[in-house]
C-alpha atoms as a PDB file:
ATOM      1  CA  UNK A   1      16.266 196.106-146.303  1.00  0.00           C
ATOM      2  CA  UNK A   2      18.104 198.295-148.776  1.00  0.00           C
ATOM      3  CA  UNK A   3      21.649 197.291-149.720  1.00  0.00           C
ATOM      4  CA  UNK A   4      24.055 200.147-150.356  1.00  0.00           C
ATOM      5  CA  UNK A   5      27.620 199.842-151.641  1.00  0.00           C
ATOM      6  CA  UNK A   6      29.829 202.676-150.407  1.00  0.00           C
ATOM      7  CA  UNK A   7      33.256 203.920-151.490  1.00  0.00           C
ATOM      8  CA  UNK A   8      34.704 202.362-148.335  1.00  0.00           C
ATOM      9  CA  UNK A   9      33.477 198.975-149.580  1.00  0.00           C
ATOM     10  CA  UNK A  10      35.320 199.506-152.865  1.00  0.00           C
ATOM     11  CA  UNK A  11      38.496 200.580-151.058  1.00  0.00           C
ATOM     12  CA  UNK A  12      38.393 197.494-148.828  1.00  0.00           C
ATOM     13  CA  UNK A  13      37.828 195.243-151.838  1.00  0.00           C
ATOM     14  CA  UNK A  14      40.736 196.784-153.729  1.00  0.00           C
ATOM     15  CA  UNK A  15      43.058 195.938-150.832  1.00  0.00           C
ATOM     16  CA  UNK A  16      42.206 192.264-151.264  1.00  0.00           C
ATOM     17  CA  UNK A  17      42.608 192.157-155.043  1.00  0.00           C
ATOM     18  CA  UNK A  18      46.122 191.304-156.167  1.00  0.00           C
ATOM     19  CA  UNK A  19      47.379 193.151-159.244  1.00  0.00           C
ATOM     20  CA  UNK A  20      48.002 190.808-162.129  1.00  0.00           C
ATOM     21  CA  UNK A  21      50.045 190.957-165.296  1.00  0.00           C
ATOM     22  CA  UNK A  22      48.570 189.322-168.371  1.00  0.00           C
ATOM     23  CA  UNK A  23      47.605 185.791-167.426  1.00  0.00           C
ATOM     24  CA  UNK A  24      45.965 184.478-170.592  1.00  0.00           C
ATOM     25  CA  UNK A  25      48.193 183.516-173.468  1.00  0.00           C
ATOM     26  CA  UNK A  26      46.403 182.489-176.621  1.00  0.00           C
ATOM     27  CA  UNK A  27      47.477 179.251-178.242  1.00  0.00           C
ATOM     28  CA  UNK A  28      46.930 179.193-181.994  1.00  0.00           C
ATOM     29  CA  UNK A  29      47.878 177.228-185.071  1.00  0.00           C
ATOM     30  CA  UNK A  30      48.779 179.888-187.664  1.00  0.00           C
ATOM     31  CA  UNK A  31      47.825 179.500-191.310  1.00  0.00           C
ATOM     32  CA  UNK A  32      50.964 180.964-192.857  1.00  0.00           C
ATOM     33  CA  UNK A  33      52.911 179.132-195.564  1.00  0.00           C
ATOM     34  CA  UNK A  34      56.573 179.522-196.414  1.00  0.00           C
ATOM     35  CA  UNK A  35      55.444 180.985-199.742  1.00  0.00           C
ATOM     36  CA  UNK A  36      53.691 183.779-197.837  1.00  0.00           C
ATOM     37  CA  UNK A  37      57.131 185.056-196.840  1.00  0.00           C
ATOM     38  CA  UNK A  38      58.915 186.783-199.715  1.00  0.00           C
ATOM     39  CA  UNK A  39      62.588 185.904-200.132  1.00  0.00           C
ATOM     40  CA  UNK A  40      64.705 185.045-197.068  1.00  0.00           C
ATOM     41  CA  UNK A  41      65.363 181.556-198.454  1.00  0.00           C
ATOM     42  CA  UNK A  42      68.498 181.033-196.356  1.00  0.00           C
ATOM     43  CA  UNK A  43      66.653 182.050-193.181  1.00  0.00           C
ATOM     44  CA  UNK A  44      63.753 179.723-194.021  1.00  0.00           C
ATOM     45  CA  UNK A  45      66.165 176.828-194.499  1.00  0.00           C
ATOM     46  CA  UNK A  46      67.878 177.556-191.173  1.00  0.00           C
ATOM     47  CA  UNK A  47      64.491 177.573-189.401  1.00  0.00           C
ATOM     48  CA  UNK A  48      63.413 174.332-191.071  1.00  0.00           C
ATOM     49  CA  UNK A  49      66.589 172.605-189.904  1.00  0.00           C
ATOM     50  CA  UNK A  50      66.442 174.079-186.384  1.00  0.00           C
ATOM     51  CA  UNK A  51      62.708 173.702-185.688  1.00  0.00           C
ATOM     52  CA  UNK A  52      60.911 171.549-188.233  1.00  0.00           C
ATOM     53  CA  UNK A  53      63.464 168.750-188.575  1.00  0.00           C
ATOM     54  CA  UNK A  54      63.935 168.031-184.839  1.00  0.00           C
ATOM     55  CA  UNK A  55      60.155 167.630-184.502  1.00  0.00           C
ATOM     56  CA  UNK A  56      59.584 165.642-187.694  1.00  0.00           C
ATOM     57  CA  UNK A  57      62.764 163.574-187.493  1.00  0.00           C
ATOM     58  CA  UNK A  58      63.340 163.261-183.747  1.00  0.00           C
ATOM     59  CA  UNK A  59      64.571 159.655-184.107  1.00  0.00           C
ATOM     60  CA  UNK A  60      67.328 160.748-186.474  1.00  0.00           C
ATOM     61  CA  UNK A  61      68.488 163.406-184.006  1.00  0.00           C
ATOM     62  CA  UNK A  62      68.587 160.734-181.291  1.00  0.00           C
ATOM     63  CA  UNK A  63      70.701 158.501-183.538  1.00  0.00           C
ATOM     64  CA  UNK A  64      73.101 161.395-184.097  1.00  0.00           C
ATOM     65  CA  UNK A  65      73.161 162.042-180.331  1.00  0.00           C
ATOM     66  CA  UNK A  66      72.646 165.766-180.865  1.00  0.00           C
ATOM     67  CA  UNK A  67      70.156 168.395-179.784  1.00  0.00           C
ATOM     68  CA  UNK A  68      68.590 171.266-181.743  1.00  0.00           C
ATOM     69  CA  UNK A  69      69.077 174.875-180.591  1.00  0.00           C
ATOM     70  CA  UNK A  70      67.301 175.723-177.334  1.00  0.00           C
ATOM     71  CA  UNK A  71      66.441 179.207-178.503  1.00  0.00           C
ATOM     72  CA  UNK A  72      66.417 181.060-181.809  1.00  0.00           C
ATOM     73  CA  UNK A  73      66.657 184.843-182.070  1.00  0.00           C
ATOM     74  CA  UNK A  74      65.527 186.758-185.152  1.00  0.00           C
ATOM     75  CA  UNK A  75      66.820 190.296-185.421  1.00  0.00           C
ATOM     76  CA  UNK A  76      66.666 193.127-187.925  1.00  0.00           C
ATOM     77  CA  UNK A  77      64.963 196.429-188.653  1.00  0.00           C
ATOM     78  CA  UNK A  78      61.168 196.651-188.177  1.00  0.00           C
ATOM     79  CA  UNK A  79      58.976 195.224-190.918  1.00  0.00           C
ATOM     80  CA  UNK A  80      61.384 192.609-192.285  1.00  0.00           C
ATOM     81  CA  UNK A  81      59.091 189.671-191.478  1.00  0.00           C
ATOM     82  CA  UNK A  82      60.237 188.359-188.099  1.00  0.00           C
ATOM     83  CA  UNK A  83      56.744 187.636-186.755  1.00  0.00           C
ATOM     84  CA  UNK A  84      55.564 186.281-190.113  1.00  0.00           C
ATOM     85  CA  UNK A  85      58.503 183.858-190.191  1.00  0.00           C
ATOM     86  CA  UNK A  86      57.726 182.685-186.663  1.00  0.00           C
ATOM     87  CA  UNK A  87      54.128 181.956-187.659  1.00  0.00           C
ATOM     88  CA  UNK A  88      55.237 180.226-190.858  1.00  0.00           C
ATOM     89  CA  UNK A  89      57.583 177.825-189.085  1.00  0.00           C
ATOM     90  CA  UNK A  90      54.836 176.953-186.570  1.00  0.00           C
ATOM     91  CA  UNK A  91      52.281 176.434-189.326  1.00  0.00           C
ATOM     92  CA  UNK A  92      54.532 174.359-191.553  1.00  0.00           C
ATOM     93  CA  UNK A  93      55.727 172.269-188.628  1.00  0.00           C
ATOM     94  CA  UNK A  94      52.144 171.675-187.492  1.00  0.00           C
ATOM     95  CA  UNK A  95      52.675 172.757-183.881  1.00  0.00           C
ATOM     96  CA  UNK A  96      50.906 175.228-181.609  1.00  0.00           C
ATOM     97  CA  UNK A  97      52.027 178.841-181.493  1.00  0.00           C
ATOM     98  CA  UNK A  98      52.038 181.222-178.523  1.00  0.00           C
ATOM     99  CA  UNK A  99      52.999 184.814-179.252  1.00  0.00           C
ATOM    100  CA  UNK A 100      53.843 187.204-176.421  1.00  0.00           C
ATOM    101  CA  UNK A 101      54.932 190.829-176.647  1.00  0.00           C
ATOM    102  CA  UNK A 102      57.731 191.380-174.155  1.00  0.00           C
ATOM    103  CA  UNK A 103      56.403 194.684-172.751  1.00  0.00           C
ATOM    104  CA  UNK A 104      53.063 193.037-171.886  1.00  0.00           C
ATOM    105  CA  UNK A 105      54.819 190.917-169.243  1.00  0.00           C
ATOM    106  CA  UNK A 106      56.370 193.862-167.437  1.00  0.00           C
ATOM    107  CA  UNK A 107      54.509 195.011-164.326  1.00  0.00           C
ATOM    108  CA  UNK A 108      55.289 197.717-161.773  1.00  0.00           C
ATOM    109  CA  UNK A 109      54.097 195.429-158.980  1.00  0.00           C
ATOM    110  CA  UNK A 110      56.742 193.371-157.189  1.00  0.00           C
ATOM    111  CA  UNK A 111      56.889 189.769-158.368  1.00  0.00           C
ATOM    112  CA  UNK A 112      54.247 190.132-161.086  1.00  0.00           C
ATOM    113  CA  UNK A 113      56.632 190.197-164.053  1.00  0.00           C
ATOM    114  CA  UNK A 114      58.445 187.079-162.850  1.00  0.00           C
ATOM    115  CA  UNK A 115      55.131 185.318-162.284  1.00  0.00           C
ATOM    116  CA  UNK A 116      53.958 186.251-165.784  1.00  0.00           C
ATOM    117  CA  UNK A 117      57.127 184.761-167.288  1.00  0.00           C
ATOM    118  CA  UNK A 118      56.655 181.543-165.313  1.00  0.00           C
ATOM    119  CA  UNK A 119      53.029 181.376-166.453  1.00  0.00           C
ATOM    120  CA  UNK A 120      53.798 181.735-170.145  1.00  0.00           C
ATOM    121  CA  UNK A 121      56.438 178.983-170.029  1.00  0.00           C
ATOM    122  CA  UNK A 122      53.997 176.785-168.100  1.00  0.00           C
ATOM    123  CA  UNK A 123      51.310 177.403-170.731  1.00  0.00           C
ATOM    124  CA  UNK A 124      53.767 176.500-173.493  1.00  0.00           C
ATOM    125  CA  UNK A 125      54.592 173.235-171.746  1.00  0.00           C
ATOM    126  CA  UNK A 126      50.910 172.351-171.402  1.00  0.00           C
ATOM    127  CA  UNK A 127      50.295 173.098-175.092  1.00  0.00           C
ATOM    128  CA  UNK A 128      53.375 171.212-176.386  1.00  0.00           C
ATOM    129  CA  UNK A 129      54.470 170.723-179.073  1.00  0.00           C
ATOM    130  CA  UNK A 130      54.654 174.501-179.156  1.00  0.00           C
ATOM    131  CA  UNK A 131      56.648 177.388-180.519  1.00  0.00           C
ATOM    132  CA  UNK A 132      56.840 180.063-177.824  1.00  0.00           C
ATOM    133  CA  UNK A 133      57.493 183.385-179.546  1.00  0.00           C
ATOM    134  CA  UNK A 134      58.672 186.472-177.650  1.00  0.00           C
ATOM    135  CA  UNK A 135      58.367 189.656-179.697  1.00  0.00           C
ATOM    136  CA  UNK A 136      60.374 192.707-178.563  1.00  0.00           C
ATOM    137  CA  UNK A 137      62.433 190.487-176.277  1.00  0.00           C
ATOM    138  CA  UNK A 138      64.837 193.368-175.615  1.00  0.00           C
ATOM    139  CA  UNK A 139      62.216 194.726-173.187  1.00  0.00           C
ATOM    140  CA  UNK A 140      62.546 191.563-171.075  1.00  0.00           C
ATOM    141  CA  UNK A 141      66.313 191.071-171.163  1.00  0.00           C
ATOM    142  CA  UNK A 142      67.884 194.512-171.716  1.00  0.00           C
ATOM    143  CA  UNK A 143      71.551 195.131-171.079  1.00  0.00           C
ATOM    144  CA  UNK A 144      72.171 195.437-167.381  1.00  0.00           C
ATOM    145  CA  UNK A 145      72.709 199.012-166.328  1.00  0.00           C
ATOM    146  CA  UNK A 146      70.744 200.418-169.284  1.00  0.00           C
ATOM    147  CA  UNK A 147      69.452 203.894-168.435  1.00  0.00           C
ATOM    148  CA  UNK A 148      65.925 203.135-169.669  1.00  0.00           C
ATOM    149  CA  UNK A 149      65.330 200.216-167.297  1.00  0.00           C
ATOM    150  CA  UNK A 150      64.421 199.923-163.627  1.00  0.00           C
ATOM    151  CA  UNK A 151      67.518 198.157-162.300  1.00  0.00           C
ATOM    152  CA  UNK A 152      65.852 196.029-159.634  1.00  0.00           C
ATOM    153  CA  UNK A 153      62.866 195.008-161.776  1.00  0.00           C
ATOM    154  CA  UNK A 154      65.136 194.358-164.753  1.00  0.00           C
ATOM    155  CA  UNK A 155      67.448 192.104-162.754  1.00  0.00           C
ATOM    156  CA  UNK A 156      64.560 190.047-161.361  1.00  0.00           C
ATOM    157  CA  UNK A 157      62.948 189.663-164.783  1.00  0.00           C
ATOM    158  CA  UNK A 158      66.292 188.734-166.328  1.00  0.00           C
ATOM    159  CA  UNK A 159      66.966 186.151-163.619  1.00  0.00           C
ATOM    160  CA  UNK A 160      63.536 184.574-164.067  1.00  0.00           C
ATOM    161  CA  UNK A 161      63.848 184.427-167.847  1.00  0.00           C
ATOM    162  CA  UNK A 162      67.308 182.870-167.646  1.00  0.00           C
ATOM    163  CA  UNK A 163      66.031 180.342-165.117  1.00  0.00           C
ATOM    164  CA  UNK A 164      63.265 179.307-167.510  1.00  0.00           C
ATOM    165  CA  UNK A 165      65.678 179.069-170.439  1.00  0.00           C
ATOM    166  CA  UNK A 166      68.191 177.053-168.432  1.00  0.00           C
ATOM    167  CA  UNK A 167      65.404 174.695-167.420  1.00  0.00           C
ATOM    168  CA  UNK A 168      64.080 174.338-170.938  1.00  0.00           C
ATOM    169  CA  UNK A 169      65.013 170.634-171.053  1.00  0.00           C
ATOM    170  CA  UNK A 170      62.030 170.024-168.787  1.00  0.00           C
ATOM    171  CA  UNK A 171      59.787 171.702-171.362  1.00  0.00           C
ATOM    172  CA  UNK A 172      59.741 168.834-173.821  1.00  0.00           C
ATOM    173  CA  UNK A 173      58.402 169.858-177.202  1.00  0.00           C
ATOM    174  CA  UNK A 174      58.812 173.619-176.658  1.00  0.00           C
ATOM    175  CA  UNK A 175      60.911 175.746-179.010  1.00  0.00           C
ATOM    176  CA  UNK A 176      61.681 179.282-177.847  1.00  0.00           C
ATOM    177  CA  UNK A 177      61.751 181.804-180.678  1.00  0.00           C
ATOM    178  CA  UNK A 178      62.313 185.524-180.129  1.00  0.00           C
ATOM    179  CA  UNK A 179      62.578 188.715-182.141  1.00  0.00           C
ATOM    180  CA  UNK A 180      64.123 192.128-181.670  1.00  0.00           C
ATOM    181  CA  UNK A 181      64.729 195.226-183.746  1.00  0.00           C
ATOM    182  CA  UNK A 182      67.799 196.068-181.637  1.00  0.00           C
ATOM    183  CA  UNK A 183      70.227 193.241-180.942  1.00  0.00           C
ATOM    184  CA  UNK A 184      72.592 195.755-179.327  1.00  0.00           C
ATOM    185  CA  UNK A 185      70.076 196.368-176.513  1.00  0.00           C
ATOM    186  CA  UNK A 186      69.991 192.724-175.364  1.00  0.00           C
ATOM    187  CA  UNK A 187      72.099 191.540-172.440  1.00  0.00           C
ATOM    188  CA  UNK A 188      74.924 189.241-173.504  1.00  0.00           C
ATOM    189  CA  UNK A 189      73.939 186.648-170.872  1.00  0.00           C
ATOM    190  CA  UNK A 190      70.907 185.653-172.936  1.00  0.00           C
ATOM    191  CA  UNK A 191      72.991 185.185-176.077  1.00  0.00           C
ATOM    192  CA  UNK A 192      75.477 182.676-174.762  1.00  0.00           C
ATOM    193  CA  UNK A 193      75.515 179.078-175.967  1.00  0.00           C
ATOM    194  CA  UNK A 194      72.838 176.957-174.340  1.00  0.00           C
ATOM    195  CA  UNK A 195      70.249 179.734-174.355  1.00  0.00           C
ATOM    196  CA  UNK A 196      69.785 181.405-177.720  1.00  0.00           C
ATOM    197  CA  UNK A 197      72.083 179.190-179.767  1.00  0.00           C
ATOM    198  CA  UNK A 198      70.995 180.432-183.178  1.00  0.00           C
ATOM    199  CA  UNK A 199      70.962 184.107-184.173  1.00  0.00           C
ATOM    200  CA  UNK A 200      69.477 184.965-187.567  1.00  0.00           C
ATOM    201  CA  UNK A 201      69.635 188.444-189.068  1.00  0.00           C
ATOM    202  CA  UNK A 202      66.806 189.492-191.380  1.00  0.00           C
ATOM    203  CA  UNK A 203      68.154 192.070-193.837  1.00  0.00           C
ATOM    204  CA  UNK A 204      66.183 194.675-195.726  1.00  0.00           C
ATOM    205  CA  UNK A 205      64.851 193.060-198.924  1.00  0.00           C
ATOM    206  CA  UNK A 206      66.802 193.519-202.138  1.00  0.00           C
ATOM    207  CA  UNK A 207      65.069 194.348-205.430  1.00  0.00           C
ATOM    208  CA  UNK A 208      64.318 190.728-206.336  1.00  0.00           C
ATOM    209  CA  UNK A 209      62.876 190.042-202.886  1.00  0.00           C
ATOM    210  CA  UNK A 210      60.785 193.225-203.015  1.00  0.00           C
ATOM    211  CA  UNK A 211      59.302 191.998-206.296  1.00  0.00           C
ATOM    212  CA  UNK A 212      58.438 188.657-204.673  1.00  0.00           C
ATOM    213  CA  UNK A 213      56.753 190.480-201.790  1.00  0.00           C
ATOM    214  CA  UNK A 214      54.763 192.615-204.239  1.00  0.00           C
ATOM    215  CA  UNK A 215      53.604 189.422-205.973  1.00  0.00           C
ATOM    216  CA  UNK A 216      52.444 187.945-202.656  1.00  0.00           C
ATOM    217  CA  UNK A 217      50.386 190.992-201.660  1.00  0.00           C
ATOM    218  CA  UNK A 218      49.094 191.764-205.167  1.00  0.00           C
ATOM    219  CA  UNK A 219      47.916 188.198-205.715  1.00  0.00           C
ATOM    220  CA  UNK A 220      44.192 187.988-206.469  1.00  0.00           C
ATOM    221  CA  UNK A 221      43.811 191.743-206.875  1.00  0.00           C
ATOM    222  CA  UNK A 222      42.263 193.141-210.102  1.00  0.00           C
ATOM    223  CA  UNK A 223      45.415 194.699-211.551  1.00  0.00           C
ATOM    224  CA  UNK A 224      45.423 196.828-214.661  1.00  0.00           C
ATOM    225  CA  UNK A 225      47.665 195.722-217.527  1.00  0.00           C
ATOM    226  CA  UNK A 226      49.870 198.758-216.939  1.00  0.00           C
ATOM    227  CA  UNK A 227      50.977 197.490-213.524  1.00  0.00           C
ATOM    228  CA  UNK A 228      54.591 196.274-213.598  1.00  0.00           C
ATOM    229  CA  UNK A 229      55.582 194.783-210.256  1.00  0.00           C
ATOM    230  CA  UNK A 230      59.239 194.694-211.245  1.00  0.00           C
ATOM    231  CA  UNK A 231      59.252 198.457-211.798  1.00  0.00           C
ATOM    232  CA  UNK A 232      57.373 198.989-208.549  1.00  0.00           C
ATOM    233  CA  UNK A 233      60.027 196.948-206.729  1.00  0.00           C
ATOM    234  CA  UNK A 234      62.679 199.316-208.098  1.00  0.00           C
ATOM    235  CA  UNK A 235      60.695 202.362-206.996  1.00  0.00           C
ATOM    236  CA  UNK A 236      60.273 200.902-203.508  1.00  0.00           C
ATOM    237  CA  UNK A 237      64.019 200.794-202.880  1.00  0.00           C
ATOM    238  CA  UNK A 238      64.830 200.735-199.172  1.00  0.00           C
ATOM    239  CA  UNK A 239      61.323 199.646-198.194  1.00  0.00           C
ATOM    240  CA  UNK A 240      60.603 196.528-196.139  1.00  0.00           C
ATOM    241  CA  UNK A 241      57.877 193.894-196.312  1.00  0.00           C
ATOM    242  CA  UNK A 242      55.411 195.775-194.113  1.00  0.00           C
ATOM    243  CA  UNK A 243      55.834 198.868-196.313  1.00  0.00           C
ATOM    244  CA  UNK A 244      55.063 196.848-199.439  1.00  0.00           C
ATOM    245  CA  UNK A 245      52.012 195.284-197.815  1.00  0.00           C
ATOM    246  CA  UNK A 246      50.784 198.809-197.006  1.00  0.00           C
ATOM    247  CA  UNK A 247      51.479 199.979-200.572  1.00  0.00           C
ATOM    248  CA  UNK A 248      49.343 197.175-202.010  1.00  0.00           C
ATOM    249  CA  UNK A 249      46.497 197.816-199.553  1.00  0.00           C
ATOM    250  CA  UNK A 250      46.636 201.570-200.134  1.00  0.00           C
ATOM    251  CA  UNK A 251      46.654 201.149-203.916  1.00  0.00           C
ATOM    252  CA  UNK A 252      43.509 199.012-203.634  1.00  0.00           C
ATOM    253  CA  UNK A 253      41.886 201.607-201.338  1.00  0.00           C
ATOM    254  CA  UNK A 254      42.671 204.391-203.813  1.00  0.00           C
ATOM    255  CA  UNK A 255      41.159 202.353-206.653  1.00  0.00           C
ATOM    256  CA  UNK A 256      38.007 201.730-204.600  1.00  0.00           C
ATOM    257  CA  UNK A 257      37.726 205.441-203.734  1.00  0.00           C
ATOM    258  CA  UNK A 258      38.046 206.364-207.398  1.00  0.00           C
ATOM    259  CA  UNK A 259      35.519 203.733-208.476  1.00  0.00           C
ATOM    260  CA  UNK A 260      32.881 204.694-205.900  1.00  0.00           C
ATOM    261  CA  UNK A 261      33.469 208.411-206.496  1.00  0.00           C
ATOM    262  CA  UNK A 262      32.580 208.061-210.173  1.00  0.00           C
ATOM    263  CA  UNK A 263      29.103 206.468-210.177  1.00  0.00           C
ATOM    264  CA  UNK A 264      28.685 207.191-213.891  1.00  0.00           C
ATOM    265  CA  UNK A 265      31.618 204.923-214.632  1.00  0.00           C
ATOM    266  CA  UNK A 266      30.262 201.384-214.884  1.00  0.00           C
ATOM    267  CA  UNK A 267      33.549 199.746-215.752  1.00  0.00           C
ATOM    268  CA  UNK A 268      35.008 196.910-213.690  1.00  0.00           C
ATOM    269  CA  UNK A 269      37.137 197.960-210.735  1.00  0.00           C
ATOM    270  CA  UNK A 270      40.855 197.802-211.545  1.00  0.00           C
ATOM    271  CA  UNK A 271      43.940 198.845-209.618  1.00  0.00           C
ATOM    272  CA  UNK A 272      46.131 200.921-211.906  1.00  0.00           C
ATOM    273  CA  UNK A 273      49.822 201.650-211.860  1.00  0.00           C
ATOM    274  CA  UNK A 274      49.001 205.224-210.847  1.00  0.00           C
ATOM    275  CA  UNK A 275      47.371 203.953-207.668  1.00  0.00           C
ATOM    276  CA  UNK A 276      50.565 202.101-206.757  1.00  0.00           C
ATOM    277  CA  UNK A 277      52.673 205.165-207.601  1.00  0.00           C
ATOM    278  CA  UNK A 278      50.568 207.315-205.280  1.00  0.00           C
ATOM    279  CA  UNK A 279      50.792 204.705-202.511  1.00  0.00           C
ATOM    280  CA  UNK A 280      54.592 204.536-202.826  1.00  0.00           C
ATOM    281  CA  UNK A 281      54.733 208.330-202.663  1.00  0.00           C
ATOM    282  CA  UNK A 282      52.711 208.265-199.426  1.00  0.00           C
ATOM    283  CA  UNK A 283      55.073 205.715-197.852  1.00  0.00           C
ATOM    284  CA  UNK A 284      58.096 207.810-198.798  1.00  0.00           C
ATOM    285  CA  UNK A 285      56.489 210.939-197.333  1.00  0.00           C
ATOM    286  CA  UNK A 286      55.737 209.076-194.100  1.00  0.00           C
ATOM    287  CA  UNK A 287      59.362 207.919-193.906  1.00  0.00           C
ATOM    288  CA  UNK A 288      60.605 211.509-194.267  1.00  0.00           C
ATOM    289  CA  UNK A 289      58.214 212.721-191.540  1.00  0.00           C
ATOM    290  CA  UNK A 290      59.384 209.921-189.264  1.00  0.00           C
ATOM    291  CA  UNK A 291      63.032 210.870-189.774  1.00  0.00           C
ATOM    292  CA  UNK A 292      62.220 214.491-188.994  1.00  0.00           C
ATOM    293  CA  UNK A 293      60.285 213.474-185.909  1.00  0.00           C
ATOM    294  CA  UNK A 294      57.099 215.060-187.163  1.00  0.00           C
END
């Protein structure tokens, strides 16, 4: 007897399969140290006191009859280190880390987004002690009435998220951390006391901080003696941490290209100041194109 699967079989099967938003959330223990984050000393201290201390010194908090913030929101322009900071606080506190991109929880199917939010909070509870990190949280809790959102879906997602936050006391050992590039897009309901109690702005790095970031990403690289990270920090004015990371990677790539392209040269590979200059030029050109929309 020959078995044949027809298109009708597939159509019938599809009717019985429920659509599903992302159901698996990866629990990790990041290996990121505070020293891996350039500058932002005040922000680091705030995070230590709000996340690390309540976990390490829970008895002292009980004696003081006080609770740490329920939620912490990091905001600032892209590339300032929000995700890196979240990983650092999890690593240095020694707890699990679950990172979720807000848009990945949004589904066009009725009830799926709310279910996904419930699932991620449930996973965090099971993995406690945990830092539950929502990146791009503005996609989950946008201002009500925003033109870019589906009103009905947005309201249901907002209600579910607020319900989970308001019930956070049941999630012992879970710290909710979130990040956004646009604080102005977030609904005020999520920012009230008792939900996200602590708001921390990550500014663009100043010259000293840019130099520290250059040192972090240039560490271990074969730099030529003509490389001056302080001068490079000046040249990279207005650039953020992710830009500087790219500059260091691109400078190394340019040095490798030059080394491999000159087989007669048997000298040791070195990354020269010129490689960094070219990389900075590329970043600036990309910024101009982005501003022009091209």
